[in-house]
Amino acid sequence: MTGWLGRRALRAIHEFRTRLARYHLQQRRTAKTALAADPIVQDAIAQHAQEHGMSETDVRRRVDAYVDEIVPQLNVLSYYRIGYNLAKIVLNLLYRVTVDYQDEASLERIPKRDVVVYMMNHRSNVDYVVVAYVLAYGAHVSYAVGEWARVWPLEYVFKSFGSYFIRRGFREPLYHAVLERYVHLITKNGVTQGFFPEGRLSRDGHLGPAKLGLLDYICRTILDPAFDRDIWFVPVAINFDRVLEDRALTRELVDERDRPGRFAQLVTVASYLSSNALRLVTGRLKRYGRAAVNFGTPVSLRRWLETRPGVLELPKERRLPELERLSTELMERIGAIIPVTPVPLAAAALLSFGQTVIPKPAVLDRMDQLRDRLRDVNAKVVRGGSRIADVWDRAWRMLRMRRLVVDDGDSLVVLPRGRPLLEFYANSIAHLLPIRSPRLPFHKTHDSDAELPALRRPEPPQGRRSS
């Protein structure tokens, strides 16, 4: 890097103590050259041409388009000077960001030369910003980003941040050959990556099952004779007191077709930003509670493979069921450290009664009971040592502002239109809080005055395994 911009970029790298190999800065040119000459990509081109009656020249043009679509071009100043500072301003205006570690010592013991992959649950599109922000000092994360961001100007922003695009649900073998070799290439070159194994935002709030495509691509880098490092999967759990897209997500859960188009989404985002900018100028902007991130104990791929020799050499139809065990373990680790912020805790307490009108003292008592159960399973409770009345006050600000619950004297009334969102937030910690009474589905009334259900003492969540 030369010139004034180069000096500014080097200063940013030193300031953030970030390890960036030369490959990060030359990635686009190097990756395009490497993919064009890759034997597996060459074989995929020949096969595609034969199967579809196309000339290899035409197929190569298609491959070039895929490469242009996938491969980013990291701009250090864009990531650290623009992206980081914008993230810092926006996140701290909207949330109070909390970071916790299950085993910080294990994270620090990961050898510097090894590859780190952060695997995260997907609550909001803000997840990208939150994790990149809390990891900015020490790590640059290259995200796998879905097609939703392939619109101007987001596509250029994400690519300048070093993120690569993937087409979810696109089955063409040629495309997947290019994508797999690109993932192999960046993993081999030590690029720190982050992806959401669920593959999409959670519509109902529950932690979903993992998809195996990217995990398979990353793991098979181990088969390269020239790759002598280890790959460490770090579970990352994220939760919010308010997910910005929550109403749209719950609408899609009821009717998948009720998804706004890209133009409608852009209008919504513009309206949202402008209204909040007005609140900021007039001094009426209030935070949306907590945005909490927890980092779990890392899993060494080479150590995991020691008990399963030869797994990665198996044919795909036999390999993926074996890798599903790894993905299940990682998802269970993520689930075990999901942050319990005030709103999900209050939502779980309110819904546990199965009633519309609930005495406020009973809700506070139930929140206290639930918090005790969470401690029993070593859950990550944000502000776990605070008085339960203080936790309720923080949750109540959001519940009242969103018009999910109203107070009526000494009682609390769950509004019908608020119940889907309460379910959405309660579901984020439901795997940590088994409740005896059945949960009714979305958009059903809960007007029974039955006796309050008792809580049973939960067993530790499945998948709480030792390293």
Protein backbone atom coordinates (compact mmCIF):
# COMPACT_ATOMS: atom_id res chain seq x y z
CA MET A 1 0.00 0.00 0.00
CA THR A 2 1.45 3.33 -1.07
CA GLY A 3 0.44 6.96 -0.97
CA TRP A 4 -1.75 8.82 1.52
CA LEU A 5 -4.61 6.31 1.39
CA GLY A 6 -2.18 3.45 1.89
CA ARG A 7 -0.69 5.10 4.95
CA ARG A 8 -4.17 5.71 6.38
CA ALA A 9 -5.07 2.06 5.80
CA LEU A 10 -1.89 0.84 7.54
CA ARG A 11 -2.62 3.15 10.46
CA ALA A 12 -6.12 1.68 10.78
CA ILE A 13 -4.73 -1.88 10.73
CA HIS A 14 -2.26 -1.02 13.51
CA GLU A 15 -4.87 0.85 15.54
CA PHE A 16 -7.32 -2.06 15.48
CA ARG A 17 -4.53 -4.63 15.96
CA THR A 18 -5.95 -6.59 13.03
CA ARG A 19 -4.04 -9.40 11.36
CA LEU A 20 -4.48 -9.02 7.62
CA ALA A 21 -2.46 -11.21 5.28
CA ARG A 22 -1.41 -9.87 1.90
CA TYR A 23 -4.10 -12.15 0.46
CA HIS A 24 -6.86 -10.04 2.08
CA LEU A 25 -5.74 -6.96 0.18
CA GLN A 26 -5.17 -8.72 -3.14
CA GLN A 27 -8.09 -11.10 -2.80
CA ARG A 28 -10.17 -10.14 -5.81
CA ARG A 29 -7.37 -10.32 -8.38
CA THR A 30 -5.79 -13.41 -6.81
CA ALA A 31 -9.10 -15.24 -6.37
CA LYS A 32 -10.26 -14.59 -9.94
CA THR A 33 -6.98 -15.90 -11.35
CA ALA A 34 -6.99 -18.95 -9.07
CA LEU A 35 -10.63 -19.87 -9.80
CA ALA A 36 -10.14 -19.52 -13.54
CA ALA A 37 -7.29 -22.07 -13.40
CA ASP A 38 -8.83 -24.38 -10.81
CA PRO A 39 -9.07 -27.99 -12.14
CA ILE A 40 -12.39 -28.63 -10.39
CA VAL A 41 -13.91 -25.50 -11.92
CA GLN A 42 -12.50 -26.55 -15.31
CA ASP A 43 -14.15 -29.96 -15.00
CA ALA A 44 -17.45 -28.32 -13.99
CA ILE A 45 -17.26 -26.07 -17.07
CA ALA A 46 -16.73 -29.04 -19.39
CA GLN A 47 -19.57 -31.01 -17.79
CA HIS A 48 -21.99 -28.08 -17.89
CA ALA A 49 -21.18 -27.42 -21.55
CA GLN A 50 -21.78 -31.05 -22.44
CA GLU A 51 -25.02 -31.39 -20.46
CA HIS A 52 -26.57 -28.17 -21.77
CA GLY A 53 -25.20 -28.16 -25.32
CA MET A 54 -23.29 -24.92 -24.78
CA SER A 55 -19.85 -23.89 -25.93
CA GLU A 56 -17.15 -23.78 -23.29
CA THR A 57 -16.65 -20.10 -24.11
CA ASP A 58 -20.26 -19.33 -23.12
CA VAL A 59 -19.95 -21.39 -19.95
CA ARG A 60 -16.74 -19.57 -19.03
CA ARG A 61 -18.59 -16.27 -19.36
CA ARG A 62 -21.16 -17.60 -16.91
CA VAL A 63 -18.39 -18.64 -14.53
CA ASP A 64 -16.81 -15.19 -14.82
CA ALA A 65 -20.18 -13.67 -13.88
CA TYR A 66 -20.41 -15.97 -10.84
CA VAL A 67 -16.89 -15.03 -9.79
CA ASP A 68 -17.66 -11.31 -10.11
CA GLU A 69 -20.81 -11.85 -8.07
CA ILE A 70 -19.16 -13.84 -5.27
CA VAL A 71 -15.67 -12.42 -4.80
CA PRO A 72 -15.35 -9.21 -2.73
CA GLN A 73 -12.70 -6.51 -2.68
CA LEU A 74 -11.80 -5.53 0.87
CA ASN A 75 -11.24 -1.83 1.41
CA VAL A 76 -9.54 -1.33 4.77
CA LEU A 77 -10.62 2.30 5.10
CA SER A 78 -14.19 1.45 4.17
CA TYR A 79 -14.33 -1.32 6.80
CA TYR A 80 -12.52 0.38 9.69
CA ARG A 81 -12.99 4.09 9.15
CA ILE A 82 -16.48 4.21 7.67
CA GLY A 83 -18.12 0.92 8.63
CA TYR A 84 -16.83 0.71 12.19
CA ASN A 85 -17.62 4.33 13.05
CA LEU A 86 -21.11 4.13 11.54
CA ALA A 87 -21.74 0.88 13.42
CA LYS A 88 -20.53 2.47 16.64
CA ILE A 89 -22.86 5.45 16.26
CA VAL A 90 -25.95 3.53 15.11
CA LEU A 91 -25.67 0.61 17.52
CA ASN A 92 -25.08 2.81 20.53
CA LEU A 93 -28.03 5.01 19.56
CA LEU A 94 -30.35 2.02 19.23
CA TYR A 95 -29.05 -0.48 21.79
CA ARG A 96 -26.86 -1.04 24.76
CA VAL A 97 -24.43 -3.64 23.44
CA THR A 98 -23.40 -6.42 25.84
CA VAL A 99 -20.58 -8.92 25.19
CA ASP A 100 -19.88 -12.06 27.21
CA TYR A 101 -17.64 -15.12 26.88
CA GLN A 102 -18.27 -18.68 27.96
CA ASP A 103 -14.57 -19.53 27.92
CA GLU A 104 -12.41 -16.58 26.96
CA ALA A 105 -9.21 -18.46 27.79
CA SER A 106 -10.00 -21.11 25.14
CA LEU A 107 -10.50 -18.41 22.53
CA GLU A 108 -7.17 -16.83 23.39
CA ARG A 109 -5.43 -20.21 23.08
CA ILE A 110 -6.39 -20.61 19.41
CA PRO A 111 -3.06 -20.53 17.52
CA LYS A 112 -2.59 -17.32 15.57
CA ARG A 113 -1.96 -19.15 12.30
CA ASP A 114 -5.12 -21.27 12.49
CA VAL A 115 -8.39 -20.40 10.76
CA VAL A 116 -11.33 -19.12 12.80
CA VAL A 117 -14.95 -19.44 11.65
CA TYR A 118 -17.69 -17.74 13.66
CA MET A 119 -21.03 -19.59 13.49
CA MET A 120 -24.01 -17.48 14.60
CA ASN A 121 -27.72 -17.75 15.11
CA HIS A 122 -29.66 -15.35 12.88
CA ARG A 123 -32.08 -13.01 14.67
CA SER A 124 -31.81 -9.83 12.60
CA ASN A 125 -29.98 -8.33 9.66
CA VAL A 126 -28.32 -6.17 12.31
CA ASP A 127 -26.44 -9.35 13.39
CA TYR A 128 -23.77 -8.63 10.77
CA VAL A 129 -23.15 -5.18 12.21
CA VAL A 130 -23.22 -6.22 15.87
CA VAL A 131 -20.71 -9.07 15.56
CA ALA A 132 -18.36 -7.14 13.26
CA TYR A 133 -18.47 -4.23 15.71
CA VAL A 134 -17.61 -6.27 18.81
CA LEU A 135 -14.84 -8.15 16.94
CA ALA A 136 -13.36 -5.10 15.20
CA TYR A 137 -10.35 -4.86 17.52
CA GLY A 138 -8.32 -7.90 16.55
CA ALA A 139 -10.33 -9.58 13.79
CA HIS A 140 -11.73 -8.80 10.37
CA VAL A 141 -14.67 -11.08 9.52
CA SER A 142 -15.57 -12.04 5.96
CA TYR A 143 -19.30 -12.77 6.00
CA ALA A 144 -21.30 -15.06 3.77
CA VAL A 145 -24.17 -12.77 2.73
CA GLY A 146 -27.44 -13.80 1.10
CA GLU A 147 -28.99 -12.38 -2.05
CA TRP A 148 -31.15 -9.94 -0.07
CA ALA A 149 -28.15 -7.54 0.03
CA ARG A 150 -27.47 -7.66 -3.71
CA VAL A 151 -29.07 -4.26 -4.27
CA TRP A 152 -27.47 -0.88 -4.72
CA PRO A 153 -25.72 0.36 -2.64
CA LEU A 154 -25.62 -2.57 -0.20
CA GLU A 155 -23.80 -4.86 -2.63
CA TYR A 156 -20.88 -2.46 -2.97
CA VAL A 157 -20.83 -1.78 0.78
CA PHE A 158 -20.69 -5.46 1.72
CA LYS A 159 -18.04 -6.24 -0.89
CA SER A 160 -15.87 -3.37 0.31
CA PHE A 161 -16.17 -4.87 3.79
CA GLY A 162 -14.77 -8.17 2.46
CA SER A 163 -18.03 -10.15 2.49
CA TYR A 164 -18.92 -12.63 -0.24
CA PHE A 165 -22.35 -13.35 -1.70
CA ILE A 166 -24.09 -16.70 -1.93
CA ARG A 167 -27.29 -17.74 -3.70
CA ARG A 168 -29.37 -19.73 -1.26
CA GLY A 169 -31.51 -22.44 -2.81
CA PHE A 170 -29.75 -22.20 -6.19
CA ARG A 171 -29.00 -25.81 -7.20
CA GLU A 172 -26.88 -25.46 -10.33
CA PRO A 173 -23.74 -27.66 -9.96
CA LEU A 174 -21.60 -25.20 -11.93
CA TYR A 175 -22.37 -22.39 -9.50
CA HIS A 176 -21.68 -24.56 -6.48
CA ALA A 177 -18.36 -25.70 -7.94
CA VAL A 178 -17.28 -22.06 -8.18
CA LEU A 179 -18.61 -21.22 -4.69
CA GLU A 180 -16.99 -24.28 -3.10
CA ARG A 181 -13.59 -23.54 -4.62
CA TYR A 182 -13.82 -19.91 -3.52
CA VAL A 183 -14.61 -20.94 0.07
CA HIS A 184 -11.77 -23.45 -0.11
CA LEU A 185 -9.46 -20.70 -1.36
CA ILE A 186 -10.17 -18.17 1.41
CA THR A 187 -10.09 -20.85 4.09
CA LYS A 188 -6.74 -22.12 2.83
CA ASN A 189 -5.43 -18.56 2.94
CA GLY A 190 -6.48 -18.04 6.55
CA VAL A 191 -9.41 -15.63 6.07
CA THR A 192 -11.54 -15.33 9.22
CA GLN A 193 -15.13 -16.08 8.26
CA GLY A 194 -18.59 -15.68 9.72
CA PHE A 195 -21.82 -17.29 8.60
CA PHE A 196 -25.31 -18.12 9.80
CA PRO A 197 -25.81 -21.90 9.60
CA GLU A 198 -29.62 -21.51 9.78
CA GLY A 199 -29.41 -19.87 6.37
CA ARG A 200 -32.19 -17.36 7.02
CA LEU A 201 -33.71 -15.17 9.71
CA SER A 202 -35.79 -17.00 12.27
CA ARG A 203 -39.47 -16.34 11.55
CA ASP A 204 -40.84 -17.70 14.82
CA GLY A 205 -37.94 -16.82 17.11
CA HIS A 206 -36.80 -20.42 17.63
CA LEU A 207 -33.26 -21.51 16.89
CA GLY A 208 -33.50 -23.42 13.61
CA PRO A 209 -31.59 -26.41 12.22
CA ALA A 210 -28.33 -25.86 10.39
CA LYS A 211 -27.81 -26.15 6.65
CA LEU A 212 -24.69 -28.05 5.68
CA GLY A 213 -23.46 -26.52 2.41
CA LEU A 214 -20.93 -23.95 3.65
CA LEU A 215 -19.89 -26.13 6.56
CA ASP A 216 -19.05 -28.95 4.14
CA TYR A 217 -17.04 -26.59 1.90
CA ILE A 218 -15.01 -25.24 4.82
CA CYS A 219 -14.35 -28.65 6.38
CA ARG A 220 -13.12 -30.21 3.14
CA THR A 221 -10.28 -27.67 3.01
CA ILE A 222 -8.59 -30.03 5.48
CA LEU A 223 -8.14 -32.50 2.59
CA ASP A 224 -5.77 -30.13 0.77
CA PRO A 225 -2.23 -31.52 1.32
CA ALA A 226 -0.87 -27.97 1.40
CA PHE A 227 -3.22 -26.96 4.25
CA ASP A 228 -1.45 -27.71 7.53
CA ARG A 229 -3.51 -25.51 9.88
CA ASP A 230 -6.51 -26.28 12.05
CA ILE A 231 -10.00 -24.81 11.64
CA TRP A 232 -11.76 -23.59 14.79
CA PHE A 233 -15.53 -23.14 14.86
CA VAL A 234 -16.57 -20.51 17.41
CA PRO A 235 -20.27 -20.58 18.46
CA VAL A 236 -21.76 -17.09 18.68
CA ALA A 237 -25.20 -16.43 20.18
CA ILE A 238 -27.08 -13.17 19.61
CA ASN A 239 -30.30 -11.84 21.12
CA PHE A 240 -32.13 -8.53 21.26
CA ASP A 241 -34.76 -6.77 23.30
CA ARG A 242 -36.06 -5.58 19.95
CA VAL A 243 -35.48 -7.15 16.55
CA LEU A 244 -36.00 -4.41 13.98
CA GLU A 245 -37.72 -6.76 11.51
CA ASP A 246 -39.89 -8.59 14.07
CA ARG A 247 -43.33 -7.65 12.69
CA ALA A 248 -42.36 -8.53 9.12
CA LEU A 249 -40.92 -11.88 10.26
CA THR A 250 -44.03 -12.89 12.20
CA ARG A 251 -46.22 -11.91 9.23
CA GLU A 252 -44.17 -14.19 6.99
CA LEU A 253 -44.59 -17.01 9.49
CA VAL A 254 -48.35 -16.85 9.05
CA ASP A 255 -48.15 -16.42 5.26
CA GLU A 256 -44.83 -16.87 3.44
CA ARG A 257 -46.25 -14.84 0.55
CA ASP A 258 -46.67 -11.84 2.86
CA ARG A 259 -43.08 -10.83 2.24
CA PRO A 260 -42.55 -7.29 0.97
CA GLY A 261 -40.63 -6.77 -2.25
CA ARG A 262 -37.23 -5.13 -2.36
CA PHE A 263 -38.64 -1.71 -3.21
CA ALA A 264 -41.11 -1.93 -0.32
CA GLN A 265 -38.28 -2.97 1.98
CA LEU A 266 -36.18 0.01 0.88
CA VAL A 267 -39.13 2.36 1.48
CA THR A 268 -39.64 0.86 4.93
CA VAL A 269 -35.96 1.23 5.80
CA ALA A 270 -35.88 4.83 4.53
CA SER A 271 -39.01 5.66 6.53
CA TYR A 272 -37.56 4.00 9.61
CA LEU A 273 -34.26 5.87 9.35
CA SER A 274 -35.91 9.22 8.73
CA SER A 275 -38.35 8.85 11.63
CA ASN A 276 -35.53 7.89 13.99
CA ALA A 277 -33.38 10.73 12.71
CA LEU A 278 -36.26 13.09 13.56
CA ARG A 279 -36.52 11.58 17.03
CA LEU A 280 -32.77 12.01 17.48
CA VAL A 281 -32.88 15.68 16.46
CA THR A 282 -35.84 16.38 18.76
CA GLY A 283 -34.32 14.45 21.66
CA ARG A 284 -37.08 11.78 21.70
CA LEU A 285 -34.99 8.84 20.48
CA LYS A 286 -34.87 6.05 23.04
CA ARG A 287 -32.79 2.93 22.99
CA TYR A 288 -34.37 -0.40 22.16
CA GLY A 289 -32.87 -2.16 25.16
CA ARG A 290 -30.08 -4.70 24.85
CA ALA A 291 -28.22 -6.20 21.92
CA ALA A 292 -26.32 -9.06 23.53
CA VAL A 293 -23.58 -11.26 22.05
CA ASN A 294 -22.09 -14.33 23.70
CA PHE A 295 -19.06 -16.27 22.46
CA GLY A 296 -18.89 -19.97 23.20
CA THR A 297 -16.09 -22.51 23.56
CA PRO A 298 -14.41 -23.14 20.18
CA VAL A 299 -14.44 -26.55 18.50
CA SER A 300 -11.31 -27.82 16.75
CA LEU A 301 -12.13 -29.51 13.44
CA ARG A 302 -9.00 -31.66 13.46
CA ARG A 303 -9.78 -32.87 16.98
CA TRP A 304 -13.37 -33.64 15.98
CA LEU A 305 -12.13 -35.60 12.96
CA GLU A 306 -9.78 -37.71 15.09
CA THR A 307 -12.79 -39.72 16.28
CA ARG A 308 -14.22 -39.91 12.76
CA PRO A 309 -11.31 -40.75 10.45
CA GLY A 310 -12.06 -40.69 6.74
CA VAL A 311 -15.37 -38.84 7.06
CA LEU A 312 -14.44 -36.07 4.64
CA GLU A 313 -13.36 -38.53 1.95
CA LEU A 314 -16.80 -40.17 1.88
CA PRO A 315 -19.20 -39.53 -1.03
CA LYS A 316 -21.48 -36.57 -0.41
CA GLU A 317 -24.58 -38.64 0.35
CA ARG A 318 -22.67 -40.44 3.13
CA ARG A 319 -20.55 -37.47 4.23
CA LEU A 320 -23.35 -34.99 4.95
CA PRO A 321 -25.12 -37.16 7.59
CA GLU A 322 -21.80 -37.35 9.45
CA LEU A 323 -21.24 -33.60 9.18
CA GLU A 324 -24.77 -33.10 10.45
CA ARG A 325 -23.52 -34.38 13.80
CA LEU A 326 -20.95 -31.59 13.87
CA SER A 327 -23.53 -28.99 12.89
CA THR A 328 -25.93 -30.27 15.55
CA GLU A 329 -23.25 -30.00 18.20
CA LEU A 330 -22.42 -26.46 17.12
CA MET A 331 -26.08 -25.40 17.09
CA GLU A 332 -26.56 -26.91 20.56
CA ARG A 333 -23.56 -24.93 21.76
CA ILE A 334 -25.07 -21.77 20.29
CA GLY A 335 -28.42 -22.53 21.92
CA ALA A 336 -26.82 -23.10 25.31
CA ILE A 337 -25.38 -19.56 25.40
CA ILE A 338 -28.27 -17.57 23.88
CA PRO A 339 -28.33 -14.31 25.90
CA VAL A 340 -31.45 -13.89 28.02
CA THR A 341 -32.26 -10.19 27.81
CA PRO A 342 -35.14 -8.55 29.73
CA VAL A 343 -37.79 -8.62 26.98
CA PRO A 344 -37.54 -12.38 26.18
CA LEU A 345 -37.58 -13.15 29.91
CA ALA A 346 -40.66 -10.98 30.49
CA ALA A 347 -42.39 -12.41 27.38
CA ALA A 348 -41.78 -15.97 28.58
CA ALA A 349 -43.19 -15.10 32.01
CA LEU A 350 -46.31 -13.43 30.58
CA LEU A 351 -47.08 -16.28 28.18
CA SER A 352 -46.51 -18.98 30.79
CA PHE A 353 -49.85 -18.10 32.40
CA GLY A 354 -51.93 -18.80 29.30
CA GLN A 355 -54.14 -15.82 30.20
CA THR A 356 -54.90 -12.38 28.84
CA VAL A 357 -55.13 -10.55 32.18
CA ILE A 358 -52.39 -11.33 34.70
CA PRO A 359 -51.67 -9.78 38.11
CA LYS A 360 -48.42 -7.82 37.91
CA PRO A 361 -46.98 -9.29 41.16
CA ALA A 362 -47.52 -12.78 39.72
CA VAL A 363 -45.56 -11.80 36.59
CA LEU A 364 -42.65 -10.52 38.65
CA ASP A 365 -42.68 -13.68 40.76
CA ARG A 366 -42.76 -15.83 37.62
CA MET A 367 -39.83 -13.89 36.11
CA ASP A 368 -37.88 -14.56 39.29
CA GLN A 369 -38.70 -18.29 39.07
CA LEU A 370 -37.65 -18.42 35.42
CA ARG A 371 -34.41 -16.64 36.16
CA ASP A 372 -33.64 -19.24 38.85
CA ARG A 373 -34.29 -22.02 36.33
CA LEU A 374 -31.99 -20.32 33.85
CA ARG A 375 -29.22 -20.16 36.41
CA ASP A 376 -29.68 -23.88 37.05
CA VAL A 377 -28.79 -24.61 33.41
CA ASN A 378 -25.94 -22.05 33.35
CA ALA A 379 -27.80 -19.81 30.91
CA LYS A 380 -26.35 -16.40 30.08
CA VAL A 381 -28.77 -14.02 31.80
CA VAL A 382 -28.06 -10.37 31.09
CA ARG A 383 -28.09 -8.40 34.35
CA GLY A 384 -28.66 -11.70 36.14
CA GLY A 385 -27.84 -10.20 39.53
CA SER A 386 -30.25 -7.25 39.33
CA ARG A 387 -33.48 -6.97 41.29
CA ILE A 388 -36.27 -8.58 39.29
CA ALA A 389 -38.25 -5.32 39.51
CA ASP A 390 -35.41 -3.52 37.69
CA VAL A 391 -35.33 -6.21 35.00
CA TRP A 392 -39.10 -5.86 34.56
CA ASP A 393 -38.82 -2.06 34.30
CA ARG A 394 -36.36 -2.42 31.41
CA ALA A 395 -38.62 -4.90 29.65
CA TRP A 396 -41.75 -2.84 30.37
CA ARG A 397 -40.35 0.18 28.52
CA MET A 398 -40.24 -1.86 25.32
CA LEU A 399 -43.53 -3.73 25.88
CA ARG A 400 -45.36 -0.47 26.53
CA MET A 401 -43.70 1.39 23.66
CA ARG A 402 -44.56 -1.43 21.22
CA ARG A 403 -48.15 -1.64 22.56
CA LEU A 404 -47.79 -5.35 23.28
CA VAL A 405 -48.97 -5.15 26.88
CA VAL A 406 -50.87 -2.47 28.79
CA ASP A 407 -51.37 -2.02 32.52
CA ASP A 408 -54.81 -1.91 34.12
CA GLY A 409 -54.38 -1.04 37.77
CA ASP A 410 -52.50 -3.90 39.40
CA SER A 411 -52.95 -6.14 36.36
CA LEU A 412 -51.26 -6.48 32.99
CA VAL A 413 -53.27 -7.06 29.82
CA VAL A 414 -51.72 -8.85 26.83
CA LEU A 415 -53.13 -7.24 23.69
CA PRO A 416 -54.22 -9.63 20.91
CA ARG A 417 -51.97 -8.08 18.28
CA GLY A 418 -49.06 -8.18 20.72
CA ARG A 419 -49.19 -11.92 21.33
CA PRO A 420 -47.33 -12.96 18.13
CA LEU A 421 -44.41 -10.73 19.04
CA LEU A 422 -44.39 -11.97 22.64
CA GLU A 423 -44.21 -15.51 21.26
CA PHE A 424 -41.39 -14.44 18.93
CA TYR A 425 -39.27 -13.15 21.80
CA ALA A 426 -40.16 -15.92 24.26
CA ASN A 427 -39.26 -18.55 21.66
CA SER A 428 -35.68 -17.30 21.55
CA ILE A 429 -35.12 -18.77 25.02
CA ALA A 430 -37.82 -21.47 25.00
CA HIS A 431 -35.24 -24.26 24.67
CA LEU A 432 -33.79 -23.11 28.01
CA LEU A 433 -37.16 -22.87 29.77
CA PRO A 434 -39.36 -25.98 29.49
CA ILE A 435 -42.85 -25.07 30.71
CA ARG A 436 -45.47 -27.65 31.57
CA SER A 437 -48.47 -25.84 30.08
CA PRO A 438 -48.94 -26.17 26.28
CA ARG A 439 -48.11 -23.18 24.09
CA LEU A 440 -50.89 -22.18 21.74
CA PRO A 441 -49.97 -21.18 18.18
CA PHE A 442 -49.65 -17.67 16.81
CA HIS A 443 -52.72 -15.46 16.52
CA LYS A 444 -54.87 -17.58 18.84
CA THR A 445 -56.61 -16.03 21.84
CA HIS A 446 -55.55 -16.93 25.36
CA ASP A 447 -58.53 -15.97 27.49
CA SER A 448 -58.71 -18.86 29.92
CA ASP A 449 -58.76 -18.08 33.63
CA ALA A 450 -57.34 -21.44 34.51
CA GLU A 451 -55.11 -21.93 37.51
CA LEU A 452 -51.59 -20.72 36.88
CA PRO A 453 -49.45 -23.58 35.57
CA ALA A 454 -46.54 -24.71 37.70
CA LEU A 455 -43.06 -24.74 36.33
CA ARG A 456 -41.14 -27.95 36.31
CA ARG A 457 -37.46 -27.92 37.00
CA PRO A 458 -35.84 -28.20 33.55
CA GLU A 459 -33.09 -30.58 32.63
CA PRO A 460 -29.98 -29.05 31.06
CA PRO A 461 -30.49 -28.36 27.34
CA GLN A 462 -29.59 -31.19 25.01
CA GLY A 463 -26.20 -30.89 23.48
CA ARG A 464 -24.44 -29.42 26.53
CA ARG A 465 -21.31 -31.35 25.73
CA SER A 466 -17.81 -31.00 26.94
CA SER A 467 -15.07 -29.97 24.55
